Amino acid sequence: LKMPTFVVTRYGGGAAGVRVTLQRGDRIKAEPDSLVTMSEHVELGASLDGGLIAGLLRTLFAGESLFVQTLQATHGEGDALLCPQDVGDVELITLTPGDSLLLQKGAFLASDMSVDVGTGAQLSAS
């Protein structure tokens, strides 16, 4: 099974991005406004990741967007460059089925479609 390829690209001044290579039929999700450039075989779309209720919870409790961007290679191999809104480094994290990861608001940039992005809250013990 061929998956999209994610490679971190670093630029001067502490800025970094992710170059994603997609084979025909591959689809990824990304944060809104993270797309910098894409090749001609990649189509941009949007979806409610996890459904309407999950999207509303992300919007109400985490201040995140209701929708996520989707990028799909439709007519052949394509690539896209994604960058976070804040200047800084980017790290690739590989998850296996059943893994979970808690990220700070704004830390998610992109993933393949198998990753479930949800909203949670860390409660204070005081």
Foldseek 3Di string as FASTA:
>chain_A
DDAKDWDKDDDPPAAIKIKIKAFAFFKKWFAPPFWDDKDPQKDKDKDQQPDQVQLVCCCVPVVGHRIIIMIHRHPGMMMTITGFPDRHGADDDDDDPPDDDDDHRRNTGMDGSVDRDGDDDDDDPD
